[in-house]
Amino acid sequence: MKLTFLGKETTGDQSPTLFATDRDTYVVQGWKITDPEALEALKDVPDHETYVEIPAALMQHLPKEPVDGDRTAAHR
């Protein structure tokens, strides 16, 4: 999988980050969710998936045009 860096939002020692892939997807680095109430609401996630929390400001880095074969950005 080829990753293309799109941007990050650094606060203190934390840096949630957004990447586009060459598989028509995005990869996000975010905060592990530890809140018990949120985890209970999200309990039905399959073993091969996960949830991460990211700041809303990170979404400013989503491209308006496709990135390296990323066709999904053009459909937003």
N, C-alpha and C. Protein backbone atom coordinates (compact mmCIF):
# COMPACT_ATOMS: atom_id res chain seq x y z
N MET A 1 0.85 -1.17 0.00
CA MET A 1 0.00 0.00 0.00
C MET A 1 0.90 1.24 0.00
N LYS A 2 0.64 2.15 -0.93
CA LYS A 2 1.38 3.41 -0.97
C LYS A 2 0.61 4.46 -0.17
N LEU A 3 1.29 5.13 0.75
CA LEU A 3 0.66 6.18 1.55
C LEU A 3 1.13 7.55 1.06
N THR A 4 0.19 8.48 0.96
CA THR A 4 0.50 9.87 0.62
C THR A 4 0.10 10.73 1.81
N PHE A 5 1.07 11.39 2.43
CA PHE A 5 0.80 12.26 3.58
C PHE A 5 -0.09 13.42 3.14
N LEU A 6 -1.17 13.67 3.88
CA LEU A 6 -2.07 14.77 3.57
C LEU A 6 -1.98 15.90 4.59
N GLY A 7 -1.74 15.57 5.85
CA GLY A 7 -1.62 16.62 6.85
C GLY A 7 -1.73 16.07 8.25
N LYS A 8 -1.42 16.94 9.22
CA LYS A 8 -1.51 16.54 10.62
C LYS A 8 -1.94 17.74 11.45
N GLU A 9 -2.42 17.47 12.63
CA GLU A 9 -2.84 18.48 13.60
C GLU A 9 -2.09 18.20 14.89
N THR A 10 -1.01 18.93 15.13
CA THR A 10 -0.18 18.71 16.30
C THR A 10 -0.64 19.57 17.46
N THR A 11 -0.87 18.91 18.58
CA THR A 11 -1.17 19.61 19.83
C THR A 11 -0.33 18.97 20.92
N GLY A 12 0.60 19.73 21.44
CA GLY A 12 1.50 19.17 22.45
C GLY A 12 2.33 18.06 21.86
N ASP A 13 2.28 16.89 22.49
CA ASP A 13 3.05 15.75 21.99
C ASP A 13 2.19 14.79 21.17
N GLN A 14 1.02 15.24 20.73
CA GLN A 14 0.11 14.40 19.96
C GLN A 14 0.00 14.94 18.54
N SER A 15 -0.01 14.02 17.56
CA SER A 15 -0.06 14.45 16.16
C SER A 15 -0.98 13.56 15.33
N PRO A 16 -2.31 13.65 15.50
CA PRO A 16 -3.19 12.90 14.61
C PRO A 16 -2.86 13.27 13.15
N THR A 17 -2.81 12.25 12.29
CA THR A 17 -2.30 12.42 10.94
C THR A 17 -3.23 11.74 9.94
N LEU A 18 -3.29 12.29 8.72
CA LEU A 18 -4.15 11.78 7.66
C LEU A 18 -3.32 11.44 6.44
N PHE A 19 -3.59 10.26 5.87
CA PHE A 19 -2.92 9.80 4.65
C PHE A 19 -3.96 9.34 3.64
N ALA A 20 -3.67 9.48 2.35
CA ALA A 20 -4.43 8.85 1.29
C ALA A 20 -3.64 7.61 0.87
N THR A 21 -4.34 6.60 0.35
CA THR A 21 -3.66 5.40 -0.12
C THR A 21 -3.90 5.24 -1.63
N ASP A 22 -3.17 4.33 -2.22
CA ASP A 22 -3.38 4.00 -3.63
C ASP A 22 -4.46 2.92 -3.77
N ARG A 23 -5.22 2.68 -2.70
CA ARG A 23 -6.31 1.69 -2.72
C ARG A 23 -7.67 2.34 -2.55
N ASP A 24 -7.76 3.64 -2.88
CA ASP A 24 -9.03 4.38 -2.76
C ASP A 24 -9.53 4.46 -1.32
N THR A 25 -8.60 4.59 -0.37
CA THR A 25 -8.95 4.68 1.04
C THR A 25 -8.11 5.75 1.71
N TYR A 26 -8.43 6.02 2.96
CA TYR A 26 -7.64 6.92 3.80
C TYR A 26 -7.18 6.18 5.03
N VAL A 27 -6.03 6.56 5.55
CA VAL A 27 -5.52 6.02 6.80
C VAL A 27 -5.40 7.18 7.77
N VAL A 28 -5.92 7.00 8.97
CA VAL A 28 -5.82 8.05 9.98
C VAL A 28 -5.07 7.51 11.19
N GLN A 29 -4.26 8.37 11.74
CA GLN A 29 -3.62 8.10 13.03
C GLN A 29 -4.34 8.99 14.02
N GLY A 30 -4.89 8.41 15.06
CA GLY A 30 -5.64 9.20 16.02
C GLY A 30 -5.48 8.66 17.42
N TRP A 31 -6.34 9.11 18.29
CA TRP A 31 -6.27 8.72 19.69
C TRP A 31 -7.05 7.44 19.93
N LYS A 32 -6.47 6.54 20.68
CA LYS A 32 -7.16 5.32 21.07
C LYS A 32 -8.35 5.70 21.94
N ILE A 33 -9.49 5.12 21.66
CA ILE A 33 -10.70 5.42 22.44
C ILE A 33 -10.68 4.57 23.70
N THR A 34 -10.75 5.24 24.84
CA THR A 34 -10.71 4.54 26.13
C THR A 34 -11.94 4.82 26.98
N ASP A 35 -12.79 5.75 26.57
CA ASP A 35 -13.98 6.10 27.33
C ASP A 35 -14.92 4.89 27.38
N PRO A 36 -15.26 4.39 28.58
CA PRO A 36 -16.09 3.19 28.70
C PRO A 36 -17.45 3.30 28.01
N GLU A 37 -18.09 4.44 28.11
CA GLU A 37 -19.40 4.61 27.48
C GLU A 37 -19.28 4.53 25.95
N ALA A 38 -18.27 5.18 25.41
CA ALA A 38 -18.06 5.14 23.96
C ALA A 38 -17.72 3.72 23.51
N LEU A 39 -16.87 3.03 24.26
CA LEU A 39 -16.50 1.66 23.91
C LEU A 39 -17.70 0.73 23.92
N GLU A 40 -18.60 0.93 24.87
CA GLU A 40 -19.82 0.11 24.92
C GLU A 40 -20.67 0.34 23.67
N ALA A 41 -20.78 1.59 23.24
CA ALA A 41 -21.57 1.92 22.05
C ALA A 41 -20.92 1.38 20.78
N LEU A 42 -19.60 1.19 20.80
CA LEU A 42 -18.86 0.75 19.62
C LEU A 42 -18.48 -0.73 19.68
N LYS A 43 -19.10 -1.48 20.55
CA LYS A 43 -18.66 -2.85 20.83
C LYS A 43 -18.83 -3.83 19.68
N ASP A 44 -19.59 -3.48 18.66
CA ASP A 44 -19.85 -4.43 17.59
C ASP A 44 -18.85 -4.35 16.44
N VAL A 45 -17.70 -3.77 16.66
CA VAL A 45 -16.69 -3.68 15.60
C VAL A 45 -16.06 -5.07 15.38
N PRO A 46 -15.92 -5.48 14.12
CA PRO A 46 -15.28 -6.77 13.85
C PRO A 46 -13.82 -6.77 14.31
N ASP A 47 -13.28 -7.94 14.55
CA ASP A 47 -11.90 -8.06 15.04
C ASP A 47 -10.87 -7.46 14.09
N HIS A 48 -11.17 -7.42 12.80
CA HIS A 48 -10.20 -6.90 11.83
C HIS A 48 -10.35 -5.39 11.59
N GLU A 49 -11.18 -4.72 12.37
CA GLU A 49 -11.38 -3.27 12.27
C GLU A 49 -11.16 -2.63 13.64
N THR A 50 -11.05 -1.28 13.64
CA THR A 50 -10.91 -0.55 14.89
C THR A 50 -11.46 0.86 14.70
N TYR A 51 -11.62 1.57 15.78
CA TYR A 51 -12.02 2.97 15.75
C TYR A 51 -10.90 3.81 16.33
N VAL A 52 -10.70 5.01 15.79
CA VAL A 52 -9.80 5.99 16.40
C VAL A 52 -10.51 7.32 16.42
N GLU A 53 -10.15 8.16 17.36
CA GLU A 53 -10.73 9.50 17.47
C GLU A 53 -9.73 10.49 16.89
N ILE A 54 -10.23 11.41 16.06
CA ILE A 54 -9.36 12.43 15.47
C ILE A 54 -9.99 13.80 15.66
N PRO A 55 -9.19 14.86 15.67
CA PRO A 55 -9.76 16.19 15.80
C PRO A 55 -10.46 16.61 14.50
N ALA A 56 -11.55 17.33 14.61
CA ALA A 56 -12.28 17.80 13.44
C ALA A 56 -11.38 18.61 12.52
N ALA A 57 -10.42 19.34 13.07
CA ALA A 57 -9.53 20.17 12.26
C ALA A 57 -8.71 19.34 11.27
N LEU A 58 -8.50 18.06 11.56
CA LEU A 58 -7.74 17.20 10.66
C LEU A 58 -8.45 17.05 9.32
N MET A 59 -9.76 17.16 9.31
CA MET A 59 -10.52 16.96 8.08
C MET A 59 -10.25 18.04 7.03
N GLN A 60 -9.66 19.16 7.43
CA GLN A 60 -9.31 20.19 6.46
C GLN A 60 -8.29 19.68 5.45
N HIS A 61 -7.59 18.61 5.77
CA HIS A 61 -6.56 18.07 4.90
C HIS A 61 -7.12 17.09 3.87
N LEU A 62 -8.41 16.77 3.94
CA LEU A 62 -8.99 15.89 2.92
C LEU A 62 -8.89 16.60 1.58
N PRO A 63 -8.43 15.92 0.56
CA PRO A 63 -8.27 16.57 -0.74
C PRO A 63 -9.60 16.81 -1.43
N LYS A 64 -9.64 17.87 -2.20
CA LYS A 64 -10.83 18.17 -3.01
C LYS A 64 -10.80 17.38 -4.32
N GLU A 65 -9.61 16.98 -4.73
CA GLU A 65 -9.40 16.19 -5.94
C GLU A 65 -8.74 14.87 -5.58
N PRO A 66 -8.86 13.86 -6.43
CA PRO A 66 -8.24 12.57 -6.15
C PRO A 66 -6.73 12.66 -5.94
N VAL A 67 -6.20 11.80 -5.08
CA VAL A 67 -4.77 11.73 -4.81
C VAL A 67 -4.28 10.36 -5.24
N ASP A 68 -3.39 10.30 -6.23
CA ASP A 68 -2.77 9.04 -6.65
C ASP A 68 -3.75 7.88 -6.76
N GLY A 69 -4.70 7.95 -7.62
CA GLY A 69 -5.62 6.84 -7.79
C GLY A 69 -6.74 6.82 -6.77
N ASP A 70 -6.78 7.77 -5.88
CA ASP A 70 -7.87 7.86 -4.90
C ASP A 70 -9.06 8.49 -5.59
N ARG A 71 -10.04 7.70 -5.95
CA ARG A 71 -11.22 8.21 -6.65
C ARG A 71 -12.30 8.66 -5.67
N THR A 72 -12.23 8.24 -4.42
CA THR A 72 -13.31 8.56 -3.48
C THR A 72 -13.38 10.05 -3.17
N ALA A 73 -12.25 10.76 -3.20
CA ALA A 73 -12.26 12.19 -2.88
C ALA A 73 -13.11 12.98 -3.87
N ALA A 74 -13.15 12.55 -5.10
CA ALA A 74 -13.91 13.28 -6.12
C ALA A 74 -15.41 13.14 -5.93
N HIS A 75 -15.84 12.21 -5.12
CA HIS A 75 -17.26 11.97 -4.94
C HIS A 75 -17.82 12.60 -3.69
N ARG A 76 -17.07 13.47 -3.05
CA ARG A 76 -17.56 14.14 -1.83
C ARG A 76 -18.26 15.41 -2.18
